[in-house]
Amino acid sequence: MSELVNVSNLVRAQARRAPEQTALITPEGKAWRRTSFAQLERRIDLLSHALRRAGLVRGERVLVFVKPGPEWVALLFALMRTGAIPALIDPAMGRAGVLACVQRIAPRGFVGTTAACLLKLLFGEPFRSVEVTLTSGNLALGATPLNKIVDEEEGAFEPAQTFSDDPAAILFTSGSTGPAKGVVYTHGMCVAQTAALRELYGMREGDVDVACFAPFALFGPALGLTTVLPRIDFSHPARAKPEEVVLALQAHNAVQCFGSPAIWRRVAPWCARNGVKLTGLERLMIAGAPVHPSMVEECRAMLPDGDVHTPYGATESLPVSSASGAEILAARERTASGAGNFVGRLAPNCEARVIAIRDEPIPLWRDELLVKPGELGELVVSGPQVTREYAFEPDHTAASKIRDGACTWHRMGDLVRMDEGGALWFQGRKSHRLETELGVFGPVAVENVFRSHAAIARCALVGLGERGREHPVLVVEPHTSAWPSSDAQRASLATQIRTAGASHPLGARVEHVLFQRALPVDVRHNAKIDRGALKRWAAEQLR
């Protein structure tokens, strides 16, 4: 049964419990700006009044193109406090992708930086539904500056009477494994997510969290954490300067930090070279792409007081499960033999099942969908932190959701095995599976076997040929120092790599090993390998 709940009340409650506690620490020139919970709550109220005065009301979709920072955090909570629905689109997906997403959700409101307002003016057609345009900047460009309609004399804003099933926000997927889709978060789901994260990791109010992924700057205030935003470009984590991440951690005595593998691929070697230990850091969290045990080992070397954790989930469902670094390394031999990536046991209030691999929609749940224990299949999950639909995407909703009475199962699109203890072993994306004469395989599980070769930084297995008779091709990104500079070296290294993978039935079938200096990756986390692009490239190379 739906109940009254507004996610912005989580910030208000913390502001009342600990008004002087720092909510946000953000870069300001070469210094740091501190925003207390009382200040954040006050700004949320003032912006809520301004948004309402501008004509934005409950249930209306509002595009937000503001850079992560105190105003961004306050603005998003203010929109949710009014009952409006902020929509976040990752600008890193490119102009065409962004404009397609805008057109699809037909927003009535728009709040953006000066640059975003200019984009809106230049490409007006996708924005034709927008009636209220506001800017966080000072130049109008057809927009009303927010600060001009904020009245500092106004008091507390009464939150909209939203229910747990009411939409709170629309967060677009990155589009790295298909078209970007608007995931509808409800107020109840947001509250359930924060509760699950708190219980899963034992988060304490007042813990200092460094967020290297912008959405975690929203989780922090909702969890009562002090959230630090480092000096990085959140749209391009692979370009982050490791010393800036380390500075943010050390200067503020961080207890936890979340970042994609692209972040830690830069930070861990930097710390090793400079003899830096991240003292006091209890939880180093890595997510956004499969995490190999070698990365876990590198990161654990930085942590004298903590461990690595790999929260597993998706925009549509987070958290699903989590594994500690100690557990991942204990399972290293199984991973290297082709069992897949150990992604841990289920998060609080999350239920999971494994169903037979199929691509067509499944409207209603039936028990015969289940595979036998330990068999490879697609993971489906249910629980209060699981979304129920995509915004204005009935076909994608039908393809990804299974109705089961009042319950909704989300099809993760991931291939897994669930062991006898209920733990999950990730094998790869369903859309990336190889269907061969030997059977169906998830690529990540097989790639881990090849990763035993010291020259490999990353690799990707793709299938070429007729479905059901595909033959595997391995594309390798060697470590820079191991790059084969001649045809003879390339042939020798390819032979060594094939030998390394020969212990796996499918690995033994790899005839072609191709090399790239840097594998293409997704736009959001800069860590998921773009296997579609690689498959097309490999086919061209072998013609």
Protein backbone atom coordinates (compact mmCIF):
# COMPACT_ATOMS: atom_id res chain seq x y z
CA MET A 1 0.00 0.00 0.00
CA SER A 2 1.40 3.40 -1.00
CA GLU A 3 2.24 5.77 1.87
CA LEU A 4 3.14 9.43 2.16
CA VAL A 5 6.87 9.92 1.66
CA ASN A 6 9.09 12.61 0.15
CA VAL A 7 12.78 11.80 -0.22
CA SER A 8 13.79 15.40 0.50
CA ASN A 9 12.60 14.88 4.08
CA LEU A 10 15.70 12.74 4.68
CA VAL A 11 17.81 15.90 4.39
CA ARG A 12 15.39 17.90 6.53
CA ALA A 13 15.52 15.27 9.27
CA GLN A 14 19.34 15.32 9.31
CA ALA A 15 19.35 19.14 9.37
CA ARG A 16 17.17 19.02 12.47
CA ARG A 17 19.31 16.36 14.16
CA ALA A 18 22.67 17.91 13.35
CA PRO A 19 22.28 21.38 11.80
CA GLU A 20 25.97 22.31 12.13
CA GLN A 21 27.26 19.05 10.64
CA THR A 22 28.94 19.58 7.27
CA ALA A 23 26.79 18.17 4.49
CA LEU A 24 28.97 19.05 1.49
CA ILE A 25 32.62 19.93 0.91
CA THR A 26 33.23 21.22 -2.60
CA PRO A 27 36.13 22.86 -4.46
CA GLU A 28 36.13 26.65 -4.58
CA GLY A 29 39.21 27.85 -6.42
CA LYS A 30 42.17 26.36 -4.61
CA ALA A 31 40.22 26.17 -1.34
CA TRP A 32 37.23 24.16 -0.16
CA ARG A 33 33.70 25.35 0.54
CA ARG A 34 31.78 23.80 3.42
CA THR A 35 27.98 23.67 3.43
CA SER A 36 26.28 22.62 6.66
CA PHE A 37 23.08 20.61 6.74
CA ALA A 38 21.27 23.70 8.03
CA GLN A 39 22.56 25.73 5.06
CA LEU A 40 21.70 22.98 2.59
CA GLU A 41 18.21 22.62 4.02
CA ARG A 42 17.69 26.38 3.89
CA ARG A 43 18.77 26.53 0.24
CA ILE A 44 16.46 23.63 -0.63
CA ASP A 45 13.53 25.53 0.91
CA LEU A 46 14.37 28.79 -0.88
CA LEU A 47 14.75 27.04 -4.23
CA SER A 48 11.50 25.14 -3.65
CA HIS A 49 9.62 28.43 -3.22
CA ALA A 50 11.32 29.85 -6.33
CA LEU A 51 10.53 26.80 -8.45
CA ARG A 52 6.90 26.88 -7.38
CA ARG A 53 6.72 30.61 -8.12
CA ALA A 54 8.20 29.96 -11.57
CA GLY A 55 5.27 27.67 -12.26
CA LEU A 56 6.78 24.23 -11.75
CA VAL A 57 4.37 22.00 -9.87
CA ARG A 58 3.95 18.43 -8.76
CA GLY A 59 4.25 15.76 -11.43
CA GLU A 60 6.01 17.91 -14.04
CA ARG A 61 9.27 16.74 -15.61
CA VAL A 62 12.17 19.17 -15.35
CA LEU A 63 15.47 18.78 -17.20
CA VAL A 64 18.50 19.59 -15.07
CA PHE A 65 21.79 20.51 -16.73
CA VAL A 66 23.74 21.96 -13.80
CA LYS A 67 27.27 20.93 -12.84
CA PRO A 68 27.60 18.82 -9.65
CA GLY A 69 28.09 21.03 -6.63
CA PRO A 70 26.11 22.52 -3.71
CA GLU A 71 23.58 24.24 -5.99
CA TRP A 72 23.05 21.05 -8.00
CA VAL A 73 22.38 19.01 -4.86
CA ALA A 74 20.03 21.65 -3.42
CA LEU A 75 18.21 22.04 -6.73
CA LEU A 76 17.52 18.34 -7.15
CA PHE A 77 16.18 17.96 -3.61
CA ALA A 78 14.13 21.16 -4.09
CA LEU A 79 12.51 19.81 -7.23
CA MET A 80 11.63 16.59 -5.40
CA ARG A 81 10.33 18.63 -2.46
CA THR A 82 7.91 20.44 -4.76
CA GLY A 83 6.81 17.12 -6.23
CA ALA A 84 8.35 17.93 -9.63
CA ILE A 85 10.41 15.24 -11.33
CA PRO A 86 14.04 16.15 -12.15
CA ALA A 87 15.44 14.36 -15.20
CA LEU A 88 19.20 13.75 -15.42
CA ILE A 89 20.83 12.99 -18.77
CA ASP A 90 24.54 12.26 -18.97
CA PRO A 91 26.06 14.89 -21.32
CA ALA A 92 28.93 12.51 -22.05
CA MET A 93 26.64 10.46 -24.32
CA GLY A 94 27.00 13.18 -26.95
CA ARG A 95 24.75 15.80 -28.47
CA ALA A 96 22.62 13.45 -30.58
CA GLY A 97 22.04 11.10 -27.66
CA VAL A 98 21.17 13.92 -25.28
CA LEU A 99 18.71 15.53 -27.71
CA ALA A 100 17.01 12.18 -28.36
CA CYS A 101 16.50 11.69 -24.63
CA VAL A 102 15.13 15.22 -24.24
CA GLN A 103 12.61 14.74 -27.01
CA ARG A 104 11.47 11.43 -25.58
CA ILE A 105 10.51 12.70 -22.12
CA ALA A 106 8.98 16.03 -23.28
CA PRO A 107 9.88 18.09 -20.18
CA ARG A 108 7.90 21.18 -19.19
CA GLY A 109 10.75 22.70 -17.18
CA PHE A 110 14.44 23.29 -17.84
CA VAL A 111 17.15 24.38 -15.42
CA GLY A 112 20.65 24.72 -16.81
CA THR A 113 23.97 26.49 -16.89
CA THR A 114 24.60 29.27 -19.38
CA ALA A 115 26.14 26.74 -21.78
CA ALA A 116 23.12 24.43 -21.45
CA CYS A 117 20.74 27.31 -22.15
CA LEU A 118 22.73 28.11 -25.28
CA LEU A 119 22.37 24.46 -26.40
CA LYS A 120 18.63 24.76 -25.87
CA LEU A 121 18.51 27.88 -28.05
CA LEU A 122 20.60 26.35 -30.82
CA PHE A 123 18.70 23.05 -30.99
CA GLY A 124 15.19 24.18 -30.16
CA GLU A 125 13.06 21.40 -31.65
CA PRO A 126 13.69 18.71 -28.98
CA PHE A 127 12.93 21.34 -26.31
CA ARG A 128 9.61 22.48 -27.78
CA SER A 129 7.68 21.14 -24.77
CA VAL A 130 9.61 23.39 -22.36
CA GLU A 131 7.52 26.26 -20.99
CA VAL A 132 9.62 27.25 -17.96
CA THR A 133 13.34 27.93 -18.52
CA LEU A 134 15.59 28.77 -15.58
CA THR A 135 19.34 29.16 -15.35
CA SER A 136 21.83 28.72 -12.57
CA GLY A 137 24.05 31.27 -14.33
CA ASN A 138 23.81 35.03 -14.63
CA LEU A 139 23.32 35.36 -18.41
CA ALA A 140 19.67 35.02 -19.34
CA LEU A 141 19.81 33.58 -22.90
CA GLY A 142 16.05 33.27 -22.86
CA ALA A 143 16.04 31.95 -19.28
CA THR A 144 15.20 33.41 -15.89
CA PRO A 145 18.18 33.39 -13.48
CA LEU A 146 17.19 31.36 -10.43
CA ASN A 147 18.84 33.79 -8.04
CA LYS A 148 16.58 36.59 -9.30
CA ILE A 149 13.45 34.79 -8.14
CA VAL A 150 14.80 33.49 -4.83
CA ASP A 151 13.33 35.45 -1.90
CA GLU A 152 15.66 35.19 1.09
CA GLU A 153 12.82 36.21 3.43
CA GLU A 154 10.69 33.15 2.80
CA GLY A 155 10.41 30.46 5.44
CA ALA A 156 10.28 26.69 5.37
CA PHE A 157 8.62 25.06 2.38
CA GLU A 158 5.94 22.47 3.01
CA PRO A 159 6.93 19.37 1.00
CA ALA A 160 4.46 18.14 -1.59
CA GLN A 161 2.23 15.32 -0.38
CA THR A 162 3.91 12.67 -2.47
CA PHE A 163 3.41 8.96 -2.05
CA SER A 164 5.93 6.13 -2.13
CA ASP A 165 4.82 5.15 -5.66
CA ASP A 166 5.01 8.69 -7.04
CA PRO A 167 7.91 9.47 -9.41
CA ALA A 168 10.78 11.31 -7.72
CA ALA A 169 13.30 11.50 -10.58
CA ILE A 170 14.19 10.16 -14.01
CA LEU A 171 17.79 8.96 -14.37
CA PHE A 172 18.94 7.97 -17.82
CA THR A 173 21.08 4.91 -18.37
CA SER A 174 24.39 5.52 -20.11
CA GLY A 175 23.38 3.80 -23.34
CA SER A 176 26.53 1.66 -23.22
CA THR A 177 24.64 -1.61 -23.84
CA GLY A 178 21.68 -0.30 -25.82
CA PRO A 179 19.65 2.90 -26.22
CA ALA A 180 19.76 5.24 -23.23
CA LYS A 181 16.54 4.80 -21.26
CA GLY A 182 14.92 7.01 -18.64
CA VAL A 183 14.64 5.01 -15.40
CA VAL A 184 11.78 6.17 -13.18
CA TYR A 185 12.78 6.42 -9.52
CA THR A 186 9.94 6.73 -7.02
CA HIS A 187 10.13 8.43 -3.63
CA GLY A 188 9.73 5.08 -1.90
CA MET A 189 12.48 3.51 -3.98
CA CYS A 190 14.93 6.33 -3.14
CA VAL A 191 14.28 5.89 0.57
CA ALA A 192 14.65 2.10 0.25
CA GLN A 193 17.99 2.51 -1.55
CA THR A 194 19.43 4.67 1.20
CA ALA A 195 18.27 2.21 3.86
CA ALA A 196 19.79 -0.74 1.98
CA LEU A 197 23.14 1.03 1.49
CA ARG A 198 23.28 2.04 5.16
CA GLU A 199 22.64 -1.53 6.33
CA LEU A 200 24.87 -3.17 3.72
CA TYR A 201 27.95 -1.12 4.57
CA GLY A 202 27.29 -0.02 8.13
CA MET A 203 27.36 3.66 7.16
CA ARG A 204 27.26 6.05 10.10
CA GLU A 205 25.90 9.59 10.22
CA GLY A 206 28.82 11.97 9.98
CA ASP A 207 31.07 9.60 8.03
CA VAL A 208 33.06 11.49 5.39
CA ASP A 209 32.41 10.18 1.88
CA VAL A 210 34.32 11.20 -1.26
CA ALA A 211 31.97 10.85 -4.24
CA CYS A 212 33.79 10.32 -7.55
CA PHE A 213 30.44 9.58 -9.21
CA ALA A 214 28.02 12.53 -9.12
CA PRO A 215 24.80 10.69 -8.09
CA PHE A 216 26.53 9.61 -4.88
CA ALA A 217 26.56 13.29 -3.92
CA LEU A 218 22.79 12.84 -3.51
CA PHE A 219 23.01 9.61 -1.52
CA GLY A 220 25.39 11.27 0.95
CA PRO A 221 23.05 13.98 2.30
CA ALA A 222 20.15 11.51 2.33
CA LEU A 223 22.29 9.15 4.46
CA GLY A 224 23.49 11.87 6.80
CA LEU A 225 27.06 11.66 5.49
CA THR A 226 29.51 14.49 4.89
CA THR A 227 30.05 14.34 1.13
CA VAL A 228 33.21 15.60 -0.57
CA LEU A 229 33.29 16.29 -4.32
CA PRO A 230 36.89 16.07 -5.60
CA ARG A 231 38.34 18.29 -8.32
CA ILE A 232 37.57 15.97 -11.24
CA ASP A 233 35.46 16.05 -14.39
CA PHE A 234 32.60 13.75 -13.43
CA SER A 235 31.73 13.22 -17.11
CA HIS A 236 35.21 11.79 -17.84
CA PRO A 237 36.43 9.74 -14.86
CA ALA A 238 39.24 8.20 -16.90
CA ARG A 239 40.84 11.66 -17.05
CA ALA A 240 40.77 12.21 -13.30
CA LYS A 241 44.06 13.34 -11.80
CA PRO A 242 44.93 10.74 -9.14
CA GLU A 243 46.52 13.34 -6.89
CA GLU A 244 43.21 15.26 -6.75
CA VAL A 245 41.33 12.16 -5.63
CA VAL A 246 43.97 11.41 -3.02
CA LEU A 247 43.94 15.03 -1.83
CA ALA A 248 40.17 14.92 -1.34
CA LEU A 249 40.50 11.69 0.65
CA GLN A 250 43.38 12.80 2.85
CA ALA A 251 42.45 16.44 3.43
CA HIS A 252 39.06 15.52 4.85
CA ASN A 253 39.83 12.20 6.59
CA ALA A 254 37.45 10.26 4.38
CA VAL A 255 35.95 7.01 5.66
CA GLN A 256 34.59 5.85 2.31
CA CYS A 257 34.89 6.60 -1.39
CA PHE A 258 32.99 5.47 -4.48
CA GLY A 259 34.42 5.51 -7.99
CA SER A 260 34.43 3.59 -11.25
CA PRO A 261 37.28 1.22 -12.16
CA ALA A 262 38.60 3.99 -14.43
CA ILE A 263 39.28 6.12 -11.35
CA TRP A 264 41.09 3.43 -9.39
CA ARG A 265 43.05 2.32 -12.46
CA ARG A 266 44.75 5.71 -12.16
CA VAL A 267 44.83 6.18 -8.39
CA ALA A 268 46.22 2.77 -7.36
CA PRO A 269 49.41 2.91 -9.51
CA TRP A 270 49.97 6.54 -8.48
CA CYS A 271 49.79 5.58 -4.80
CA ALA A 272 52.12 2.62 -5.38
CA ARG A 273 54.70 4.82 -7.16
CA ASN A 274 54.58 7.49 -4.49
CA GLY A 275 54.37 5.21 -1.46
CA VAL A 276 50.98 6.66 -0.45
CA LYS A 277 48.63 4.85 1.92
CA LEU A 278 45.01 5.95 2.33
CA THR A 279 44.98 5.89 6.11
CA GLY A 280 41.53 5.89 7.71
CA LEU A 281 39.69 4.87 4.53
CA GLU A 282 37.45 1.99 5.60
CA ARG A 283 35.45 1.38 2.41
CA LEU A 284 36.79 1.83 -1.09
CA MET A 285 33.87 1.09 -3.39
CA ILE A 286 34.29 0.16 -7.06
CA ALA A 287 31.38 -0.26 -9.46
CA GLY A 288 30.28 0.51 -12.99
CA ALA A 289 32.01 -2.39 -14.77
CA PRO A 290 33.36 -5.86 -13.95
CA VAL A 291 36.15 -5.63 -11.37
CA HIS A 292 39.03 -8.06 -11.84
CA PRO A 293 40.77 -9.49 -8.73
CA SER A 294 44.03 -7.84 -9.84
CA MET A 295 42.43 -4.41 -9.43
CA VAL A 296 41.10 -5.42 -6.03
CA GLU A 297 44.59 -6.48 -5.00
CA GLU A 298 46.12 -3.20 -6.20
CA CYS A 299 43.54 -1.14 -4.37
CA ARG A 300 43.78 -3.14 -1.13
CA ALA A 301 47.50 -2.34 -1.07
CA MET A 302 46.53 1.33 -0.49
CA LEU A 303 44.27 0.54 2.48
CA PRO A 304 45.96 -0.09 5.83
CA ASP A 305 42.63 0.38 7.65
CA GLY A 306 39.94 -0.89 5.30
CA ASP A 307 38.86 -3.04 2.39
CA VAL A 308 37.57 -2.83 -1.15
CA HIS A 309 33.87 -3.41 -1.83
CA THR A 310 32.19 -3.99 -5.18
CA PRO A 311 28.50 -3.03 -5.04
CA TYR A 312 26.72 -4.75 -7.90
CA GLY A 313 23.57 -3.44 -9.53
CA ALA A 314 22.36 -1.12 -12.28
CA THR A 315 20.59 2.19 -12.71
CA GLU A 316 17.36 0.17 -12.55
CA SER A 317 18.29 -1.62 -9.34
CA LEU A 318 20.92 -0.69 -6.77
CA PRO A 319 22.19 -2.32 -4.65
CA VAL A 320 21.63 -5.94 -5.71
CA SER A 321 24.64 -7.49 -3.98
CA SER A 322 28.13 -6.71 -2.76
CA ALA A 323 31.44 -8.48 -2.30
CA SER A 324 34.40 -7.47 -0.17
CA GLY A 325 37.96 -7.49 -1.44
CA ALA A 326 38.80 -10.32 0.95
CA GLU A 327 35.98 -12.44 -0.52
CA ILE A 328 36.97 -11.65 -4.10
CA LEU A 329 40.59 -12.63 -3.53
CA ALA A 330 39.52 -15.79 -1.71
CA ALA A 331 37.55 -16.69 -4.85
CA ARG A 332 40.41 -15.75 -7.18
CA GLU A 333 41.25 -19.28 -8.28
CA ARG A 334 37.64 -19.98 -9.22
CA THR A 335 37.50 -16.71 -11.16
CA ALA A 336 40.71 -17.59 -13.02
CA SER A 337 39.30 -21.01 -13.94
CA GLY A 338 36.19 -19.52 -15.59
CA ALA A 339 33.62 -19.37 -12.78
CA GLY A 340 33.02 -15.67 -13.37
CA ASN A 341 33.36 -12.60 -11.18
CA PHE A 342 32.24 -13.12 -7.60
CA VAL A 343 29.79 -10.27 -6.96
CA GLY A 344 28.68 -11.40 -3.53
CA ARG A 345 25.54 -12.07 -1.61
CA LEU A 346 22.28 -10.21 -1.88
CA ALA A 347 21.75 -6.77 -0.41
CA PRO A 348 19.06 -6.22 2.23
CA ASN A 349 15.49 -6.63 0.95
CA CYS A 350 16.63 -7.77 -2.49
CA GLU A 351 15.37 -11.07 -3.89
CA ALA A 352 17.04 -12.72 -6.88
CA ARG A 353 16.31 -15.61 -9.22
CA VAL A 354 18.00 -17.01 -12.31
CA ILE A 355 15.90 -17.70 -15.40
CA ALA A 356 16.57 -19.38 -18.74
CA ILE A 357 18.25 -17.23 -21.37
CA ARG A 358 15.79 -15.75 -23.81
CA ASP A 359 15.42 -12.39 -25.57
CA GLU A 360 11.66 -11.99 -25.97
CA PRO A 361 9.49 -10.18 -23.39
CA ILE A 362 8.07 -12.18 -20.46
CA PRO A 363 4.83 -10.47 -19.39
CA LEU A 364 4.01 -12.68 -16.37
CA TRP A 365 6.08 -14.73 -13.95
CA ARG A 366 5.89 -18.52 -14.04
CA ASP A 367 8.07 -20.94 -12.12
CA GLU A 368 9.10 -22.91 -15.19
CA LEU A 369 11.28 -19.92 -16.19
CA LEU A 370 13.79 -20.91 -13.50
CA VAL A 371 17.00 -22.77 -14.35
CA LYS A 372 18.37 -25.52 -12.15
CA PRO A 373 20.61 -24.42 -9.25
CA GLY A 374 24.10 -23.54 -10.48
CA GLU A 375 23.12 -23.29 -14.15
CA LEU A 376 23.89 -20.27 -16.32
CA GLY A 377 20.96 -17.93 -16.82
CA GLU A 378 19.73 -14.35 -16.70
CA LEU A 379 19.46 -12.67 -13.29
CA VAL A 380 16.12 -11.18 -12.29
CA VAL A 381 15.68 -9.17 -9.10
CA SER A 382 12.86 -7.75 -7.04
CA GLY A 383 12.57 -5.55 -3.98
CA PRO A 384 11.80 -2.00 -2.84
CA GLN A 385 14.98 -0.63 -4.49
CA VAL A 386 14.01 -2.04 -7.90
CA THR A 387 12.39 0.24 -10.50
CA ARG A 388 9.15 -0.70 -12.18
CA GLU A 389 9.27 1.12 -15.51
CA TYR A 390 11.10 3.29 -18.01
CA ALA A 391 9.72 6.73 -18.79
CA PHE A 392 7.67 6.67 -22.01
CA GLU A 393 9.35 3.44 -23.12
CA PRO A 394 6.59 0.79 -23.09
CA ASP A 395 8.55 -1.58 -25.31
CA HIS A 396 11.67 -1.41 -23.16
CA THR A 397 9.56 -1.74 -20.02
CA ALA A 398 7.91 -4.86 -21.47
CA ALA A 399 11.30 -6.30 -22.42
CA SER A 400 12.82 -5.75 -18.97
CA LYS A 401 9.99 -6.26 -16.47
CA ILE A 402 8.10 -9.37 -15.41
CA ARG A 403 4.87 -8.88 -13.46
CA ASP A 404 4.22 -11.25 -10.58
CA GLY A 405 1.05 -10.08 -8.85
CA ALA A 406 1.96 -6.91 -6.93
CA CYS A 407 5.66 -7.71 -7.43
CA THR A 408 7.85 -6.63 -10.35
CA TRP A 409 10.91 -8.61 -11.41
CA HIS A 410 13.58 -6.64 -13.25
CA ARG A 411 15.59 -8.52 -15.85
CA MET A 412 19.17 -7.37 -15.23
CA GLY A 413 20.34 -8.41 -18.68
CA ASP A 414 23.30 -10.10 -16.97
CA LEU A 415 24.32 -13.75 -17.18
CA VAL A 416 25.09 -15.28 -13.79
CA ARG A 417 25.34 -18.49 -11.87
CA MET A 418 23.97 -18.63 -8.33
CA ASP A 419 25.91 -21.01 -6.11
CA GLU A 420 24.54 -23.26 -3.36
CA GLY A 421 25.03 -20.47 -0.80
CA GLY A 422 22.99 -17.96 -2.80
CA ALA A 423 26.05 -15.95 -3.94
CA LEU A 424 26.21 -14.58 -7.48
CA TRP A 425 28.93 -15.15 -10.09
CA PHE A 426 28.78 -12.66 -12.95
CA GLN A 427 29.56 -14.07 -16.40
CA GLY A 428 28.84 -11.14 -18.72
CA ARG A 429 25.98 -9.28 -20.37
CA LYS A 430 23.27 -11.37 -22.00
CA SER A 431 23.52 -9.26 -25.16
CA HIS A 432 27.26 -10.07 -25.34
CA ARG A 433 26.88 -13.84 -24.98
CA LEU A 434 28.61 -16.21 -27.36
CA GLU A 435 26.42 -18.97 -28.77
CA THR A 436 28.78 -21.65 -30.02
CA GLU A 437 28.74 -25.32 -30.89
CA LEU A 438 29.98 -25.93 -27.33
CA GLY A 439 27.05 -24.05 -25.82
CA VAL A 440 26.32 -20.55 -24.52
CA PHE A 441 29.02 -18.60 -22.69
CA GLY A 442 29.27 -15.25 -20.94
CA PRO A 443 32.40 -13.48 -22.20
CA VAL A 444 33.69 -12.12 -18.88
CA ALA A 445 34.04 -15.58 -17.36
CA VAL A 446 36.20 -16.76 -20.27
CA GLU A 447 38.23 -13.55 -20.41
CA ASN A 448 39.27 -14.07 -16.79
CA VAL A 449 41.07 -17.25 -17.83
CA PHE A 450 43.16 -15.35 -20.37
CA ARG A 451 43.85 -12.59 -17.83
CA SER A 452 46.34 -14.93 -16.15
CA HIS A 453 48.84 -13.80 -18.81
CA ALA A 454 50.92 -10.96 -17.36
CA ALA A 455 50.93 -8.91 -20.60
CA ILE A 456 47.16 -8.35 -20.57
CA ALA A 457 45.76 -5.16 -19.09
CA ARG A 458 42.26 -5.84 -20.41
CA CYS A 459 40.71 -8.12 -23.00
CA ALA A 460 37.35 -8.78 -24.60
CA LEU A 461 35.95 -11.93 -26.16
CA VAL A 462 33.56 -11.47 -29.08
CA GLY A 463 31.77 -14.02 -31.24
CA LEU A 464 31.86 -13.89 -35.03
CA GLY A 465 29.76 -15.91 -37.42
CA GLU A 466 26.36 -17.54 -37.34
CA ARG A 467 24.49 -17.58 -34.01
CA GLY A 468 24.81 -21.06 -32.54
CA ARG A 469 28.07 -21.60 -34.42
CA GLU A 470 29.97 -18.47 -33.45
CA HIS A 471 33.72 -18.69 -33.16
CA PRO A 472 35.47 -16.71 -30.43
CA VAL A 473 37.94 -13.91 -31.15
CA LEU A 474 39.95 -12.30 -28.35
CA VAL A 475 40.82 -8.60 -28.50
CA VAL A 476 43.64 -7.69 -26.13
CA GLU A 477 44.76 -4.38 -24.65
CA PRO A 478 48.32 -5.14 -23.48
CA HIS A 479 50.06 -3.22 -20.74
CA THR A 480 51.95 -0.36 -22.36
CA SER A 481 55.29 -2.00 -21.62
CA ALA A 482 54.15 -5.25 -23.29
CA TRP A 483 52.93 -3.79 -26.59
CA PRO A 484 54.19 -6.02 -29.46
CA SER A 485 56.05 -3.69 -31.80
CA SER A 486 56.60 -6.11 -34.69
CA ASP A 487 54.68 -8.82 -36.52
CA ALA A 488 56.93 -11.46 -34.97
CA GLN A 489 56.32 -10.16 -31.46
CA ARG A 490 52.61 -9.97 -32.15
CA ALA A 491 52.51 -13.57 -33.35
CA SER A 492 54.56 -14.76 -30.37
CA LEU A 493 52.41 -12.92 -27.82
CA ALA A 494 49.21 -14.17 -29.46
CA THR A 495 50.46 -17.77 -29.16
CA GLN A 496 51.32 -17.27 -25.49
CA ILE A 497 47.89 -15.78 -24.78
CA ARG A 498 46.07 -18.61 -26.55
CA THR A 499 48.06 -21.08 -24.45
CA ALA A 500 47.04 -19.21 -21.27
CA GLY A 501 43.35 -19.65 -22.13
CA ALA A 502 43.54 -23.21 -23.40
CA SER A 503 42.39 -24.68 -20.09
CA HIS A 504 38.86 -23.37 -20.76
CA PRO A 505 36.76 -25.28 -23.34
CA LEU A 506 35.86 -22.11 -25.24
CA GLY A 507 39.26 -20.52 -24.64
CA ALA A 508 40.85 -23.48 -26.41
CA ARG A 509 38.76 -22.60 -29.50
CA VAL A 510 40.23 -19.09 -29.83
CA GLU A 511 42.19 -18.99 -33.09
CA HIS A 512 42.58 -15.24 -33.47
CA VAL A 513 44.06 -12.79 -30.95
CA LEU A 514 43.91 -9.14 -32.02
CA PHE A 515 45.53 -6.19 -30.31
CA GLN A 516 44.36 -2.65 -29.53
CA ARG A 517 46.26 -0.05 -27.54
CA ALA A 518 43.08 0.97 -25.71
CA LEU A 519 39.76 -0.86 -25.80
CA PRO A 520 36.71 1.38 -26.39
CA VAL A 521 34.70 2.01 -23.23
CA ASP A 522 31.36 3.47 -22.11
CA VAL A 523 30.78 7.20 -21.71
CA ARG A 524 29.66 7.19 -18.07
CA HIS A 525 32.13 5.09 -16.11
CA ASN A 526 34.82 4.91 -18.83
CA ALA A 527 35.23 1.26 -17.83
CA LYS A 528 32.65 -0.96 -19.56
CA ILE A 529 34.12 -2.33 -22.76
CA ASP A 530 32.15 -1.43 -25.89
CA ARG A 531 31.90 -4.97 -27.25
CA GLY A 532 29.60 -4.01 -30.10
CA ALA A 533 32.25 -1.69 -31.51
CA LEU A 534 34.93 -4.34 -30.97
CA LYS A 535 32.87 -7.01 -32.70
CA ARG A 536 32.49 -4.82 -35.78
CA TRP A 537 36.19 -3.95 -35.72
CA ALA A 538 37.26 -7.58 -35.33
CA ALA A 539 35.06 -8.63 -38.26
CA GLU A 540 36.75 -6.00 -40.43
CA GLN A 541 40.22 -7.15 -39.37
CA LEU A 542 39.53 -10.78 -40.25
CA ARG A 543 37.90 -10.29 -43.62
